[in-house]
């Protein structure tokens, strides 16, 4: 049933917020008393009183409909009026209005959960919350003045918070004067003055807050801490509650069932099955690395046997398509072990050239100079030591056809290294 409206309201006054006292009122008759164009081209409308919550205090705004128009955004202007940004223009008049139930419920669950979780951090390990961000479809966060919190301590806080939820405590909303506020055991001193709105989780937490909340903690359903991270010298705690907590559980459960099926085990044996697979994978990786080294040894021997003579040296040049630079370097390192061998190995991925120069220690040549001779004309760079150097950069594919045309001449011009 639509919620009843109140007495007429002057349009020059701030909008009367009805969502504080009736957060579960999701349908009402909206009286549009002013319309105007917004900077983004949408239509803004003013109601004398509204159940639509504007973005405020770390909580996102409501969405829904007013008549045929979608409510895209809701915010307060400088005069304290609540602006409803609409998808369609409306004329002054009365319209049926509906608030998106799922979005409002998620905001209420997360905001109330934030109060409970914040109070639990204080009660269990004495940590105060510095700030919070309330979301409904993505995890909400609270920032704590802490470095790190151990996993056991996080588990204790989470268990404490959920105990408050399961006790289904009443969540009270009321106003006090500044004088009366001095008698309230606020978790954190109010940042506002004058008439102060108090959100009390019965006998547990007292906060000055302007958000929408569940009337009972049981409506939160569940609070789950997902992870923590360091952000600007603070510890950020990511958590979910209510409908989103259920979605996270369902998604995780589905993934676990799929993995259990792939590993042919039940959920209770999943950890051990994954551990066995991990050990098997490490063993296979060691075996594959051994085989890769053998393959590179064999490839290096074939390349060395195909080397052509250049004065007193033997030269190997080769271009490979899309070969990883790290593997190119390993192959060049093995070629370096052949006496008198000079190698230039290149790889091209369609955009970038990778080039490795290797000189046997007894060659007397400097791999760095040999590399630079090939890269400098291409405006590429590299570095290394006398026996192994690597570099590259973006080049046109046409550059590959003449990459090694001057290699023999470069070698003849190089003076043997005395290092």
Protein backbone atom coordinates (compact mmCIF):
# COMPACT_ATOMS: atom_id res chain seq x y z
CA UNK A 1 0.00 0.00 0.00
CA UNK A 2 1.28 3.50 -0.76
CA UNK A 3 2.44 5.45 2.28
CA UNK A 4 0.35 8.47 3.20
CA UNK A 5 1.55 12.01 2.49
CA UNK A 6 1.72 14.81 5.02
CA UNK A 7 0.45 18.39 5.08
CA UNK A 8 1.35 20.83 2.25
CA UNK A 9 4.98 21.95 2.22
CA UNK A 10 6.43 25.25 0.97
CA UNK A 11 8.63 24.68 -2.07
CA UNK A 12 11.27 27.13 -0.82
CA UNK A 13 11.97 24.99 2.24
CA UNK A 14 14.26 21.95 2.41
CA UNK A 15 12.65 18.69 1.39
CA UNK A 16 11.18 16.71 4.29
CA UNK A 17 12.95 13.31 4.47
CA UNK A 18 10.38 10.60 5.20
CA UNK A 19 12.81 7.69 4.80
CA UNK A 20 14.23 8.16 8.30
CA UNK A 21 11.05 7.14 10.08
CA UNK A 22 9.74 4.75 7.45
CA UNK A 23 12.67 3.01 5.71
CA UNK A 24 10.37 0.17 4.59
CA UNK A 25 7.94 2.47 2.80
CA UNK A 26 8.65 1.78 -0.87
CA UNK A 27 5.50 3.14 -2.56
CA UNK A 28 3.91 6.58 -2.12
CA UNK A 29 2.22 9.42 -3.96
CA UNK A 30 4.86 11.91 -5.10
CA UNK A 31 3.90 15.58 -5.45
CA UNK A 32 6.16 17.26 -8.02
CA UNK A 33 6.25 20.97 -7.18
CA UNK A 34 9.21 22.08 -9.32
CA UNK A 35 10.99 20.82 -12.45
CA UNK A 36 14.18 22.03 -14.13
CA UNK A 37 16.91 20.90 -16.51
CA UNK A 38 20.10 19.45 -15.02
CA UNK A 39 23.61 19.99 -16.45
CA UNK A 40 23.66 16.43 -17.81
CA UNK A 41 20.47 17.07 -19.81
CA UNK A 42 18.18 15.10 -17.52
CA UNK A 43 15.17 16.53 -15.70
CA UNK A 44 15.39 17.36 -12.01
CA UNK A 45 12.27 17.47 -9.85
CA UNK A 46 11.62 18.63 -6.31
CA UNK A 47 9.06 17.05 -3.97
CA UNK A 48 8.02 18.73 -0.71
CA UNK A 49 8.58 15.37 1.03
CA UNK A 50 10.11 12.14 -0.21
CA UNK A 51 10.95 8.57 0.69
CA UNK A 52 13.80 8.49 -1.85
CA UNK A 53 17.15 8.43 -0.06
CA UNK A 54 19.83 10.81 -1.46
CA UNK A 55 23.51 9.87 -1.61
CA UNK A 56 24.82 10.74 1.83
CA UNK A 57 27.15 9.57 4.58
CA UNK A 58 28.83 6.88 2.49
CA UNK A 59 25.49 5.33 1.43
CA UNK A 60 24.34 5.28 -2.19
CA UNK A 61 21.07 6.87 -3.31
CA UNK A 62 17.81 5.08 -4.03
CA UNK A 63 16.50 4.44 -7.53
CA UNK A 64 12.98 3.68 -8.70
CA UNK A 65 10.21 5.46 -10.59
CA UNK A 66 8.06 8.57 -10.36
CA UNK A 67 5.17 8.16 -12.75
CA UNK A 68 6.60 7.00 -16.12
CA UNK A 69 10.09 8.32 -15.36
CA UNK A 70 13.03 6.35 -13.96
CA UNK A 71 14.75 7.92 -10.94
CA UNK A 72 18.41 7.82 -11.96
CA UNK A 73 20.01 9.81 -9.13
CA UNK A 74 18.96 11.46 -5.88
CA UNK A 75 21.01 14.12 -4.06
CA UNK A 76 20.70 17.19 -1.85
CA UNK A 77 21.34 20.65 -3.30
CA UNK A 78 22.81 23.64 -1.47
CA UNK A 79 19.37 24.64 -0.15
CA UNK A 80 18.78 21.26 1.47
CA UNK A 81 16.27 20.28 -1.19
CA UNK A 82 16.38 16.68 -2.41
CA UNK A 83 16.79 16.61 -6.20
CA UNK A 84 15.41 13.60 -8.08
CA UNK A 85 17.17 13.17 -11.44
CA UNK A 86 14.75 11.60 -13.93
CA UNK A 87 15.03 9.81 -17.26
CA UNK A 88 11.99 11.67 -18.65
CA UNK A 89 10.61 15.18 -18.14
CA UNK A 90 7.53 15.51 -15.90
CA UNK A 91 5.09 18.35 -15.37
CA UNK A 92 4.03 19.62 -11.96
CA UNK A 93 1.49 17.29 -10.41
CA UNK A 94 1.00 14.09 -8.43
CA UNK A 95 2.41 10.72 -9.54
CA UNK A 96 2.65 7.22 -8.11
CA UNK A 97 6.23 6.62 -6.95
CA UNK A 98 8.03 3.36 -6.26
CA UNK A 99 11.45 2.78 -4.73
CA UNK A 100 13.61 -0.11 -5.96
CA UNK A 101 13.06 -2.64 -3.16
CA UNK A 102 16.18 -4.73 -3.74
CA UNK A 103 18.52 -1.72 -3.81
CA UNK A 104 16.98 -0.19 -0.67
CA UNK A 105 17.03 -3.52 1.22
CA UNK A 106 20.67 -4.12 0.33
CA UNK A 107 21.61 -0.61 1.47
CA UNK A 108 19.76 -1.09 4.76
CA UNK A 109 21.37 -4.48 5.37
CA UNK A 110 24.86 -3.23 4.62
CA UNK A 111 24.50 0.01 6.56
CA UNK A 112 23.15 -1.73 9.64
CA UNK A 113 25.82 -4.44 9.26
CA UNK A 114 28.46 -1.72 9.17
CA UNK A 115 27.29 -0.43 12.57
CA UNK A 116 27.35 -3.96 13.99
CA UNK A 117 30.72 -4.84 12.49
CA UNK A 118 32.29 -1.54 13.52
CA UNK A 119 31.00 -2.01 17.07
CA UNK A 120 32.36 -5.56 17.08
CA UNK A 121 35.86 -4.40 16.13
CA UNK A 122 35.74 -2.06 19.13
CA UNK A 123 34.30 -4.70 21.49
CA UNK A 124 36.62 -7.55 20.48
CA UNK A 125 40.01 -5.96 19.68
CA UNK A 126 39.53 -2.27 20.52
CA UNK A 127 39.88 -0.88 16.98
CA UNK A 128 37.96 2.23 15.90
CA UNK A 129 36.53 2.72 12.40
CA UNK A 130 37.82 5.82 10.61
CA UNK A 131 35.40 5.78 7.66
CA UNK A 132 32.96 3.54 5.80
CA UNK A 133 31.58 3.08 2.31
CA UNK A 134 28.18 1.41 1.96
CA UNK A 135 27.27 -0.49 -1.20
CA UNK A 136 24.56 -2.94 -2.05
CA UNK A 137 25.75 -4.82 -5.12
CA UNK A 138 29.49 -4.78 -4.37
CA UNK A 139 31.25 -5.35 -1.05
CA UNK A 140 31.07 -2.51 1.47
CA UNK A 141 34.18 -1.37 3.31
CA UNK A 142 35.30 0.08 6.61
CA UNK A 143 38.72 1.64 7.20
CA UNK A 144 40.47 0.95 10.48
CA UNK A 145 43.39 2.67 12.16
CA UNK A 146 45.53 -0.47 12.11
CA UNK A 147 48.42 -2.13 10.34
CA UNK A 148 47.33 -5.74 10.09
CA UNK A 149 44.82 -7.96 11.87
CA UNK A 150 45.45 -11.67 12.25
CA UNK A 151 43.08 -14.21 10.72
CA UNK A 152 42.05 -15.51 14.17
CA UNK A 153 41.18 -11.98 15.33
CA UNK A 154 39.14 -11.33 12.18
CA UNK A 155 37.27 -14.58 12.80
CA UNK A 156 36.53 -13.53 16.40
CA UNK A 157 35.19 -10.14 15.25
CA UNK A 158 33.06 -11.77 12.56
CA UNK A 159 31.62 -14.30 15.00
CA UNK A 160 30.83 -11.54 17.51
CA UNK A 161 29.08 -9.45 14.86
CA UNK A 162 26.96 -12.36 13.69
CA UNK A 163 25.97 -13.15 17.26
CA UNK A 164 24.53 -9.62 17.48
CA UNK A 165 22.72 -10.27 14.20
CA UNK A 166 21.29 -13.60 15.36
CA UNK A 167 20.05 -12.07 18.61
CA UNK A 168 17.71 -9.96 16.46
CA UNK A 169 18.27 -6.84 18.50
CA UNK A 170 16.07 -3.82 17.94
CA UNK A 171 17.64 -1.02 15.89
CA UNK A 172 16.26 2.25 17.26
CA UNK A 173 16.24 5.63 15.55
CA UNK A 174 15.65 8.82 17.55
CA UNK A 175 16.75 12.45 17.89
CA UNK A 176 18.53 14.17 20.76
CA UNK A 177 19.68 17.70 21.48
CA UNK A 178 23.35 18.53 21.95
CA UNK A 179 22.79 18.59 25.70
CA UNK A 180 21.11 15.18 25.62
CA UNK A 181 23.85 13.82 23.35
CA UNK A 182 26.32 14.20 26.22
CA UNK A 183 24.43 11.40 28.00
CA UNK A 184 24.59 9.00 25.02
CA UNK A 185 27.52 6.52 25.03
CA UNK A 186 28.41 7.21 21.39
CA UNK A 187 31.03 4.91 19.93
CA UNK A 188 32.38 8.00 18.16
CA UNK A 189 31.58 11.65 19.07
CA UNK A 190 29.00 13.16 16.65
CA UNK A 191 30.47 15.32 13.87
CA UNK A 192 27.26 17.39 13.71
CA UNK A 193 25.62 19.83 16.08
CA UNK A 194 22.06 20.81 16.90
CA UNK A 195 19.46 18.10 16.53
CA UNK A 196 21.31 14.79 16.31
CA UNK A 197 19.86 11.58 14.90
CA UNK A 198 20.94 8.51 16.87
CA UNK A 199 20.99 4.95 15.56
CA UNK A 200 21.10 2.55 18.49
CA UNK A 201 21.62 -1.18 18.12
CA UNK A 202 19.88 -2.08 21.35
CA UNK A 203 22.36 -1.88 24.21
CA UNK A 204 25.34 -2.48 21.90
CA UNK A 205 26.17 0.43 19.60
CA UNK A 206 25.24 4.12 19.53
CA UNK A 207 26.07 6.22 16.45
CA UNK A 208 25.06 9.56 15.00
CA UNK A 209 23.91 8.58 11.51
CA UNK A 210 21.71 9.78 8.66
CA UNK A 211 21.26 6.51 6.76
CA UNK A 212 18.51 3.94 6.36
CA UNK A 213 18.70 0.88 8.63
CA UNK A 214 16.98 -2.40 9.33
CA UNK A 215 14.47 -2.25 12.22
CA UNK A 216 15.96 -5.47 13.68
CA UNK A 217 19.49 -6.87 13.36
CA UNK A 218 18.04 -10.21 12.25
CA UNK A 219 17.06 -8.55 8.98
CA UNK A 220 20.79 -8.24 8.19
CA UNK A 221 20.85 -12.01 7.78
CA UNK A 222 24.59 -12.54 7.87
CA UNK A 223 27.83 -10.55 7.96
CA UNK A 224 30.87 -11.97 6.18
CA UNK A 225 34.36 -10.43 6.07
CA UNK A 226 35.88 -11.13 2.64
CA UNK A 227 39.36 -9.65 2.80
CA UNK A 228 41.56 -6.82 4.06
CA UNK A 229 44.06 -4.54 2.32
CA UNK A 230 46.36 -1.66 3.18
CA UNK A 231 45.17 1.68 1.74
CA UNK A 232 46.83 5.02 2.59
CA UNK A 233 48.20 3.89 5.96
CA UNK A 234 44.83 2.36 6.91
CA UNK A 235 43.49 -1.17 6.94
CA UNK A 236 40.46 -1.54 4.69
CA UNK A 237 38.04 -4.36 5.53
CA UNK A 238 35.78 -5.60 2.73
CA UNK A 239 32.54 -7.22 3.86
CA UNK A 240 29.14 -8.33 2.59
CA UNK A 241 25.80 -8.75 4.32
CA UNK A 242 22.27 -9.96 3.70
CA UNK A 243 21.28 -10.60 0.08
CA UNK A 244 24.79 -9.99 -1.18
CA UNK A 245 26.26 -12.38 1.39
CA UNK A 246 23.87 -15.04 0.08
CA UNK A 247 24.98 -14.34 -3.51
CA UNK A 248 28.64 -14.64 -2.52
CA UNK A 249 27.95 -17.92 -0.73
CA UNK A 250 26.01 -19.29 -3.70
CA UNK A 251 28.75 -18.31 -6.15
CA UNK A 252 31.48 -19.83 -3.95
CA UNK A 253 29.44 -22.99 -3.39
CA UNK A 254 28.86 -23.40 -7.12
CA UNK A 255 32.59 -23.05 -7.84
CA UNK A 256 33.47 -25.51 -5.07
CA UNK A 257 30.99 -28.04 -6.41
CA UNK A 258 32.40 -27.70 -9.93
CA UNK A 259 35.97 -28.13 -8.67
CA UNK A 260 34.92 -31.09 -6.51
CA UNK A 261 33.37 -32.70 -9.58
CA UNK A 262 36.53 -32.11 -11.64
CA UNK A 263 38.70 -33.62 -8.89
CA UNK A 264 36.22 -36.43 -8.23
CA UNK A 265 35.92 -35.70 -4.51
CA UNK A 266 33.40 -34.34 -2.03
CA UNK A 267 33.55 -30.84 -0.57
CA UNK A 268 35.10 -32.21 2.63
CA UNK A 269 38.04 -33.68 0.65
CA UNK A 270 38.54 -30.70 -1.64
CA UNK A 271 41.47 -29.12 0.21
CA UNK A 272 43.46 -32.36 0.30
CA UNK A 273 42.66 -33.08 -3.36
CA UNK A 274 43.90 -29.61 -4.39
CA UNK A 275 47.04 -30.09 -2.29
CA UNK A 276 47.78 -33.39 -4.07
CA UNK A 277 47.22 -31.76 -7.44
CA UNK A 278 49.56 -28.92 -6.46
CA UNK A 279 52.31 -31.35 -5.48
CA UNK A 280 51.80 -33.31 -8.69
CA UNK A 281 51.95 -30.10 -10.72
CA UNK A 282 55.22 -29.06 -9.06
CA UNK A 283 56.69 -32.47 -9.88
CA UNK A 284 55.56 -32.18 -13.50
CA UNK A 285 56.98 -28.66 -13.74
CA UNK A 286 60.37 -29.91 -12.53
CA UNK A 287 60.24 -32.71 -15.09
CA UNK A 288 59.19 -30.31 -17.88
CA UNK A 289 62.00 -27.92 -16.99
CA UNK A 290 64.47 -30.78 -17.26
CA UNK A 291 63.09 -31.73 -20.66
CA UNK A 292 63.17 -28.10 -21.79
CA UNK A 293 66.83 -27.85 -20.82
CA UNK A 294 67.57 -31.04 -22.74
CA UNK A 295 65.74 -29.68 -25.78
CA UNK A 296 67.68 -26.42 -25.60
CA UNK A 297 70.95 -28.34 -25.25
CA UNK A 298 70.07 -30.36 -28.35
CA UNK A 299 68.97 -27.24 -30.29
CA UNK A 300 72.17 -25.45 -29.29
CA UNK A 301 74.29 -28.34 -30.62
CA UNK A 302 72.41 -28.29 -33.95
CA UNK A 303 72.87 -24.53 -34.26
CA UNK A 304 76.57 -24.78 -33.37
CA UNK A 305 77.06 -27.48 -36.01
CA UNK A 306 75.44 -25.20 -38.62
CA UNK A 307 77.70 -22.23 -37.74
CA UNK A 308 79.53 -20.61 -40.64
CA UNK A 309 83.16 -19.48 -40.41
CA UNK A 310 84.00 -15.77 -40.19
CA UNK A 311 87.75 -15.21 -39.96
CA UNK A 312 88.82 -17.14 -36.83
CA UNK A 313 85.29 -17.31 -35.39
CA UNK A 314 82.17 -19.32 -36.14
CA UNK A 315 78.86 -17.45 -36.50
CA UNK A 316 75.27 -18.49 -35.76
CA UNK A 317 72.30 -16.27 -36.72
CA UNK A 318 68.66 -17.20 -36.43
CA UNK A 319 65.23 -15.51 -36.32
CA UNK A 320 62.32 -17.19 -34.51
CA UNK A 321 58.66 -16.12 -34.62
CA UNK A 322 57.07 -15.31 -31.25
CA UNK A 323 59.76 -17.00 -29.18
CA UNK A 324 59.80 -15.81 -25.56
CA UNK A 325 62.79 -13.51 -24.90
CA UNK A 326 63.65 -15.46 -21.73
CA UNK A 327 63.95 -18.71 -23.70
CA UNK A 328 65.98 -16.93 -26.38
CA UNK A 329 68.41 -15.85 -23.68
CA UNK A 330 68.69 -19.40 -22.29
CA UNK A 331 69.50 -20.77 -25.75
CA UNK A 332 72.09 -18.06 -26.33
CA UNK A 333 73.63 -18.85 -22.95
CA UNK A 334 74.13 -22.47 -24.01
CA UNK A 335 75.65 -21.42 -27.34
CA UNK A 336 78.13 -19.24 -25.44
CA UNK A 337 79.74 -22.43 -24.10
CA UNK A 338 80.95 -23.52 -27.56
CA UNK A 339 84.57 -22.37 -28.16
CA UNK A 340 84.97 -19.59 -30.70
CA UNK A 341 81.23 -19.33 -31.32
CA UNK A 342 79.45 -16.01 -31.85
CA UNK A 343 75.64 -16.08 -31.85
CA UNK A 344 72.88 -13.64 -32.70
CA UNK A 345 69.36 -14.91 -31.99
CA UNK A 346 66.25 -12.86 -32.72
CA UNK A 347 62.52 -13.20 -32.06
CA UNK A 348 59.70 -11.10 -33.54
CA UNK A 349 56.09 -11.02 -32.32
CA UNK A 350 54.70 -8.86 -35.11
CA UNK A 351 55.54 -5.59 -33.38
CA UNK A 352 58.60 -5.95 -31.17
CA UNK A 353 62.06 -7.33 -31.91
CA UNK A 354 64.03 -9.20 -29.24
CA UNK A 355 67.71 -9.77 -29.96
CA UNK A 356 70.36 -11.67 -27.98
CA UNK A 357 74.09 -11.63 -28.71
CA UNK A 358 76.38 -14.29 -27.21
CA UNK A 359 80.15 -14.52 -27.52
CA UNK A 360 82.23 -17.43 -26.28
CA UNK A 361 84.69 -16.29 -23.62
CA UNK A 362 87.63 -17.30 -25.82
CA UNK A 363 86.31 -15.32 -28.82
CA UNK A 364 87.74 -12.04 -27.60
CA UNK A 365 84.61 -10.22 -28.81
CA UNK A 366 82.25 -8.06 -26.76
CA UNK A 367 78.59 -9.10 -26.97
CA UNK A 368 77.49 -5.60 -25.94
CA UNK A 369 79.23 -3.99 -28.93
CA UNK A 370 77.90 -6.64 -31.30
CA UNK A 371 74.36 -6.09 -29.99
CA UNK A 372 74.62 -2.30 -30.27
CA UNK A 373 75.85 -2.58 -33.88
CA UNK A 374 72.57 -4.28 -34.80
CA UNK A 375 70.15 -2.32 -32.58
CA UNK A 376 71.38 1.27 -32.99
CA UNK A 377 70.37 1.54 -36.69
CA UNK A 378 66.88 0.38 -35.64
CA UNK A 379 66.62 2.95 -32.80
CA UNK A 380 66.51 0.09 -30.29
CA UNK A 381 68.49 -0.37 -27.08
CA UNK A 382 69.89 -3.13 -24.92
CA UNK A 383 72.61 -4.12 -22.46
CA UNK A 384 74.43 -6.96 -20.80
CA UNK A 385 78.05 -8.08 -20.36
CA UNK A 386 80.93 -9.13 -22.63
CA UNK A 387 79.61 -12.64 -23.23
CA UNK A 388 75.83 -12.14 -23.24
CA UNK A 389 73.75 -9.06 -24.13
CA UNK A 390 70.06 -8.62 -24.85
CA UNK A 391 67.78 -5.85 -26.10
CA UNK A 392 65.19 -4.84 -28.68
CA UNK A 393 62.23 -2.62 -29.35
CA UNK A 394 59.41 -1.92 -31.81
CA UNK A 395 60.39 -2.37 -35.47
CA UNK A 396 58.68 -2.93 -38.81
CA UNK A 397 58.66 -6.51 -40.08
CA UNK A 398 60.58 -5.39 -43.16
CA UNK A 399 63.60 -4.72 -40.93
CA UNK A 400 64.04 -8.47 -40.36
CA UNK A 401 65.08 -9.12 -43.96
CA UNK A 402 68.32 -7.20 -43.53
CA UNK A 403 68.86 -7.66 -39.79
CA UNK A 404 71.98 -9.82 -40.19
CA UNK A 405 73.27 -8.54 -43.57
CA UNK A 406 76.16 -6.60 -41.95
CA UNK A 407 76.88 -9.06 -39.11
CA UNK A 408 80.05 -10.53 -40.60
CA UNK A 409 81.40 -7.05 -41.35
CA UNK A 410 80.61 -5.90 -37.79
CA UNK A 411 82.58 -8.87 -36.42
CA UNK A 412 85.58 -8.16 -38.65
CA UNK A 413 85.62 -4.53 -37.52
CA UNK A 414 85.49 -5.37 -33.83
CA UNK A 415 88.75 -5.41 -31.90
CA UNK A 416 89.16 -8.47 -29.67
CA UNK A 417 88.36 -7.75 -26.03
CA UNK A 418 91.22 -7.76 -23.56
CA UNK A 419 88.89 -8.21 -20.54
